[in-house]
Amino acid sequence: MKVVEIATACCLAGILVAPVYAADGVPAGYRHFTHVKSMVILPGHPLAASFGGMHHVYVNDKGLAALKAGKTYPDGSVLVFDLFESTDQEHAYAEGARKVTAVMEKHAKTFAATGGWDFRAYKEGKGANIVKDAASECFSCHTAQEKRDFVFSTYTP
């Protein structure tokens, strides 16, 4: 049985507790998680060189209550940051090619050195994890969000 078939069967049965991962390390069906926000970072923004483009952020059910309450995330919480090129199509911004898909998964004891979070990223949303040193490549920026359990995104009803 394929990973997608397993994830679909588990979702339909309502028994999906931990995320199911595709062979590339990205949570299967993450675009069916709760959509947190979208934004476009344009040239001129301080993060444009690294994160310019169209962003979509998703959270799984395990992390949704913590996101809404602004509380510490429980183990098993997953946030996915999907970054695409931003294209101007007839004066409207649209998704272009996928640049990277980043995943944060909470396991407080296992990843204590990075605030309890495992940080992974996949170029073009597939292949091998491109994060070599999570502490310097990811967590160093996320430390500014310590009061929100190292998560940048906030919930807006």
C-alpha atoms as a PDB file:
ATOM      1  CA  MET A   1       0.000   0.000   0.000  1.00  0.00           C
ATOM      2  CA  LYS A   2       1.365   3.445  -0.891  1.00  0.00           C
ATOM      3  CA  VAL A   3       1.975   6.149   1.744  1.00  0.00           C
ATOM      4  CA  VAL A   4      -0.814   8.296   0.292  1.00  0.00           C
ATOM      5  CA  GLU A   5      -3.271   5.390   0.457  1.00  0.00           C
ATOM      6  CA  ILE A   6      -2.290   4.723   4.074  1.00  0.00           C
ATOM      7  CA  ALA A   7      -2.686   8.399   5.005  1.00  0.00           C
ATOM      8  CA  THR A   8      -6.062   8.568   3.269  1.00  0.00           C
ATOM      9  CA  ALA A   9      -7.298   5.423   5.006  1.00  0.00           C
ATOM     10  CA  CYS A  10      -6.148   6.698   8.395  1.00  0.00           C
ATOM     11  CA  CYS A  11      -7.733  10.109   7.867  1.00  0.00           C
ATOM     12  CA  LEU A  12     -11.010   8.544   6.789  1.00  0.00           C
ATOM     13  CA  ALA A  13     -10.958   6.288   9.822  1.00  0.00           C
ATOM     14  CA  GLY A  14     -10.200   9.273  12.062  1.00  0.00           C
ATOM     15  CA  ILE A  15      -7.257   7.533  13.670  1.00  0.00           C
ATOM     16  CA  LEU A  16      -4.351   9.601  12.389  1.00  0.00           C
ATOM     17  CA  VAL A  17      -2.419  10.465  15.529  1.00  0.00           C
ATOM     18  CA  ALA A  18       1.105  11.044  14.265  1.00  0.00           C
ATOM     19  CA  PRO A  19       1.820  12.505  10.854  1.00  0.00           C
ATOM     20  CA  VAL A  20       2.446  10.054   8.034  1.00  0.00           C
ATOM     21  CA  TYR A  21       5.497  10.982   6.016  1.00  0.00           C
ATOM     22  CA  ALA A  22       6.058  10.461   2.329  1.00  0.00           C
ATOM     23  CA  ALA A  23       9.389   8.998   1.253  1.00  0.00           C
ATOM     24  CA  ASP A  24      10.777  12.547   0.883  1.00  0.00           C
ATOM     25  CA  GLY A  25      10.212  13.438   4.561  1.00  0.00           C
ATOM     26  CA  VAL A  26       7.350  15.884   3.993  1.00  0.00           C
ATOM     27  CA  PRO A  27       4.105  15.075   5.865  1.00  0.00           C
ATOM     28  CA  ALA A  28       1.684  13.389   3.485  1.00  0.00           C
ATOM     29  CA  GLY A  29      -1.373  15.541   2.858  1.00  0.00           C
ATOM     30  CA  TYR A  30      -0.007  18.564   4.746  1.00  0.00           C
ATOM     31  CA  ARG A  31      -2.017  20.895   2.528  1.00  0.00           C
ATOM     32  CA  HIS A  32      -5.058  19.410   4.282  1.00  0.00           C
ATOM     33  CA  PHE A  33      -3.723  20.590   7.652  1.00  0.00           C
ATOM     34  CA  THR A  34      -5.218  23.857   8.913  1.00  0.00           C
ATOM     35  CA  HIS A  35      -4.024  26.759   6.786  1.00  0.00           C
ATOM     36  CA  VAL A  36      -2.469  29.343   9.122  1.00  0.00           C
ATOM     37  CA  LYS A  37      -1.587  32.120   6.713  1.00  0.00           C
ATOM     38  CA  SER A  38      -0.177  33.120   3.355  1.00  0.00           C
ATOM     39  CA  MET A  39       2.022  36.049   2.511  1.00  0.00           C
ATOM     40  CA  VAL A  40       4.335  37.337  -0.192  1.00  0.00           C
ATOM     41  CA  ILE A  41       7.821  38.625   0.580  1.00  0.00           C
ATOM     42  CA  LEU A  42       8.856  41.047  -2.139  1.00  0.00           C
ATOM     43  CA  PRO A  43      12.285  42.400  -3.128  1.00  0.00           C
ATOM     44  CA  GLY A  44      13.390  45.023  -0.630  1.00  0.00           C
ATOM     45  CA  HIS A  45      12.226  43.047   2.428  1.00  0.00           C
ATOM     46  CA  PRO A  46      15.121  42.058   4.773  1.00  0.00           C
ATOM     47  CA  LEU A  47      14.359  38.352   4.201  1.00  0.00           C
ATOM     48  CA  ALA A  48      13.852  38.589   0.438  1.00  0.00           C
ATOM     49  CA  ALA A  49      17.196  36.994  -0.457  1.00  0.00           C
ATOM     50  CA  SER A  50      16.480  33.860   1.587  1.00  0.00           C
ATOM     51  CA  PHE A  51      12.681  33.727   1.725  1.00  0.00           C
ATOM     52  CA  GLY A  52      11.397  35.889  -1.113  1.00  0.00           C
ATOM     53  CA  GLY A  53       8.238  34.586  -2.723  1.00  0.00           C
ATOM     54  CA  MET A  54       4.805  33.296  -1.755  1.00  0.00           C
ATOM     55  CA  HIS A  55       4.511  31.543   1.615  1.00  0.00           C
ATOM     56  CA  HIS A  56       1.830  29.233   2.928  1.00  0.00           C
ATOM     57  CA  VAL A  57       1.936  27.952   6.506  1.00  0.00           C
ATOM     58  CA  TYR A  58      -0.005  24.928   7.766  1.00  0.00           C
ATOM     59  CA  VAL A  59      -0.393  23.306  11.216  1.00  0.00           C
ATOM     60  CA  ASN A  60      -1.582  19.793  12.036  1.00  0.00           C
ATOM     61  CA  ASP A  61      -4.466  19.107  14.427  1.00  0.00           C
ATOM     62  CA  LYS A  62      -2.061  18.329  17.276  1.00  0.00           C
ATOM     63  CA  GLY A  63      -0.607  21.858  17.141  1.00  0.00           C
ATOM     64  CA  LEU A  64      -3.738  23.824  16.272  1.00  0.00           C
ATOM     65  CA  ALA A  65      -4.997  24.365  19.843  1.00  0.00           C
ATOM     66  CA  ALA A  66      -1.566  25.603  20.953  1.00  0.00           C
ATOM     67  CA  LEU A  67      -1.364  27.950  17.983  1.00  0.00           C
ATOM     68  CA  LYS A  68      -4.804  29.383  18.747  1.00  0.00           C
ATOM     69  CA  ALA A  69      -4.047  29.798  22.462  1.00  0.00           C
ATOM     70  CA  GLY A  70      -0.473  31.025  22.003  1.00  0.00           C
ATOM     71  CA  LYS A  71       0.712  28.206  24.279  1.00  0.00           C
ATOM     72  CA  THR A  72       3.539  25.691  24.209  1.00  0.00           C
ATOM     73  CA  TYR A  73       3.073  23.124  21.464  1.00  0.00           C
ATOM     74  CA  PRO A  74       2.634  19.478  22.489  1.00  0.00           C
ATOM     75  CA  ASP A  75       4.931  16.792  21.139  1.00  0.00           C
ATOM     76  CA  GLY A  76       3.777  15.685  17.707  1.00  0.00           C
ATOM     77  CA  SER A  77       2.817  19.200  16.594  1.00  0.00           C
ATOM     78  CA  VAL A  78       3.847  19.860  12.999  1.00  0.00           C
ATOM     79  CA  LEU A  79       4.080  23.142  11.112  1.00  0.00           C
ATOM     80  CA  VAL A  80       4.826  23.225   7.396  1.00  0.00           C
ATOM     81  CA  PHE A  81       6.118  26.284   5.581  1.00  0.00           C
ATOM     82  CA  ASP A  82       5.696  26.034   1.816  1.00  0.00           C
ATOM     83  CA  LEU A  83       7.625  28.627  -0.214  1.00  0.00           C
ATOM     84  CA  PHE A  84       7.004  29.271  -3.892  1.00  0.00           C
ATOM     85  CA  GLU A  85       8.300  31.715  -6.431  1.00  0.00           C
ATOM     86  CA  SER A  86       5.841  34.578  -6.707  1.00  0.00           C
ATOM     87  CA  THR A  87       4.762  35.420 -10.218  1.00  0.00           C
ATOM     88  CA  ASP A  88       2.873  38.433 -11.499  1.00  0.00           C
ATOM     89  CA  GLN A  89       0.098  37.153 -13.726  1.00  0.00           C
ATOM     90  CA  GLU A  90      -1.883  40.026 -15.179  1.00  0.00           C
ATOM     91  CA  HIS A  91      -1.338  42.192 -12.062  1.00  0.00           C
ATOM     92  CA  ALA A  92      -2.154  39.359  -9.629  1.00  0.00           C
ATOM     93  CA  TYR A  93       0.378  37.473  -7.538  1.00  0.00           C
ATOM     94  CA  ALA A  94       0.292  33.730  -8.118  1.00  0.00           C
ATOM     95  CA  GLU A  95       2.302  30.691  -7.057  1.00  0.00           C
ATOM     96  CA  GLY A  96       5.219  29.907  -9.291  1.00  0.00           C
ATOM     97  CA  ALA A  97       7.615  27.007  -8.906  1.00  0.00           C
ATOM     98  CA  ARG A  98       8.052  25.538  -5.433  1.00  0.00           C
ATOM     99  CA  LYS A  99      11.332  26.683  -3.873  1.00  0.00           C
ATOM    100  CA  VAL A 100      11.364  24.834  -0.553  1.00  0.00           C
ATOM    101  CA  THR A 101       9.100  23.043   1.890  1.00  0.00           C
ATOM    102  CA  ALA A 102      10.195  23.376   5.521  1.00  0.00           C
ATOM    103  CA  VAL A 103       8.901  21.251   8.387  1.00  0.00           C
ATOM    104  CA  MET A 104       9.021  21.887  12.132  1.00  0.00           C
ATOM    105  CA  GLU A 105       8.036  18.940  14.327  1.00  0.00           C
ATOM    106  CA  LYS A 106       7.900  19.159  18.118  1.00  0.00           C
ATOM    107  CA  HIS A 107       9.602  16.522  20.263  1.00  0.00           C
ATOM    108  CA  ALA A 108      10.737  18.385  23.374  1.00  0.00           C
ATOM    109  CA  LYS A 109      13.217  15.859  24.780  1.00  0.00           C
ATOM    110  CA  THR A 110      14.726  14.665  21.517  1.00  0.00           C
ATOM    111  CA  PHE A 111      15.359  18.168  20.166  1.00  0.00           C
ATOM    112  CA  ALA A 112      15.948  20.066  23.426  1.00  0.00           C
ATOM    113  CA  ALA A 113      18.930  21.911  21.914  1.00  0.00           C
ATOM    114  CA  THR A 114      16.626  23.555  19.350  1.00  0.00           C
ATOM    115  CA  GLY A 115      13.743  24.464  21.634  1.00  0.00           C
ATOM    116  CA  GLY A 116      12.165  21.022  21.260  1.00  0.00           C
ATOM    117  CA  TRP A 117      11.768  21.377  17.499  1.00  0.00           C
ATOM    118  CA  ASP A 118      13.141  19.275  14.658  1.00  0.00           C
ATOM    119  CA  PHE A 119      13.791  21.506  11.652  1.00  0.00           C
ATOM    120  CA  ARG A 120      13.877  20.023   8.144  1.00  0.00           C
ATOM    121  CA  ALA A 121      13.685  21.524   4.662  1.00  0.00           C
ATOM    122  CA  TYR A 122      13.356  20.041   1.206  1.00  0.00           C
ATOM    123  CA  LYS A 123      14.373  21.849  -1.951  1.00  0.00           C
ATOM    124  CA  GLU A 124      11.445  21.983  -4.360  1.00  0.00           C
ATOM    125  CA  GLY A 125       9.487  20.040  -1.709  1.00  0.00           C
ATOM    126  CA  LYS A 126      11.274  16.742  -2.292  1.00  0.00           C
ATOM    127  CA  GLY A 127      14.536  14.872  -1.978  1.00  0.00           C
ATOM    128  CA  ALA A 128      16.966  14.915   0.907  1.00  0.00           C
ATOM    129  CA  ASN A 129      16.731  17.201   3.923  1.00  0.00           C
ATOM    130  CA  ILE A 130      18.875  20.259   3.112  1.00  0.00           C
ATOM    131  CA  VAL A 131      19.207  21.374   6.752  1.00  0.00           C
ATOM    132  CA  LYS A 132      22.685  20.357   7.895  1.00  0.00           C
ATOM    133  CA  ASP A 133      22.854  22.255  11.206  1.00  0.00           C
ATOM    134  CA  ALA A 134      19.395  23.090  12.569  1.00  0.00           C
ATOM    135  CA  ALA A 135      20.817  25.192  15.410  1.00  0.00           C
ATOM    136  CA  SER A 136      22.587  27.659  13.122  1.00  0.00           C
ATOM    137  CA  GLU A 137      20.464  27.407   9.962  1.00  0.00           C
ATOM    138  CA  CYS A 138      16.999  27.574  11.563  1.00  0.00           C
ATOM    139  CA  PHE A 139      16.865  27.846  15.331  1.00  0.00           C
ATOM    140  CA  SER A 140      19.170  30.871  15.517  1.00  0.00           C
ATOM    141  CA  CYS A 141      16.393  32.966  13.919  1.00  0.00           C
ATOM    142  CA  HIS A 142      13.563  31.219  15.769  1.00  0.00           C
ATOM    143  CA  THR A 143      15.087  32.100  19.173  1.00  0.00           C
ATOM    144  CA  ALA A 144      13.566  35.572  18.736  1.00  0.00           C
ATOM    145  CA  GLN A 145      10.157  33.876  19.096  1.00  0.00           C
ATOM    146  CA  GLU A 146      10.889  32.072  22.375  1.00  0.00           C
ATOM    147  CA  LYS A 147       7.740  33.471  24.017  1.00  0.00           C
ATOM    148  CA  ARG A 148       5.674  31.768  21.275  1.00  0.00           C
ATOM    149  CA  ASP A 149       7.487  28.438  21.557  1.00  0.00           C
ATOM    150  CA  PHE A 150       9.865  29.482  18.757  1.00  0.00           C
ATOM    151  CA  VAL A 151       7.090  29.775  16.139  1.00  0.00           C
ATOM    152  CA  PHE A 152       6.757  32.900  13.989  1.00  0.00           C
ATOM    153  CA  SER A 153       3.208  32.329  12.804  1.00  0.00           C
ATOM    154  CA  THR A 154       0.301  33.451  14.939  1.00  0.00           C
ATOM    155  CA  TYR A 155      -3.352  32.583  14.737  1.00  0.00           C
ATOM    156  CA  THR A 156      -5.772  35.141  13.326  1.00  0.00           C
ATOM    157  CA  PRO A 157      -9.414  34.044  13.475  1.00  0.00           C
END
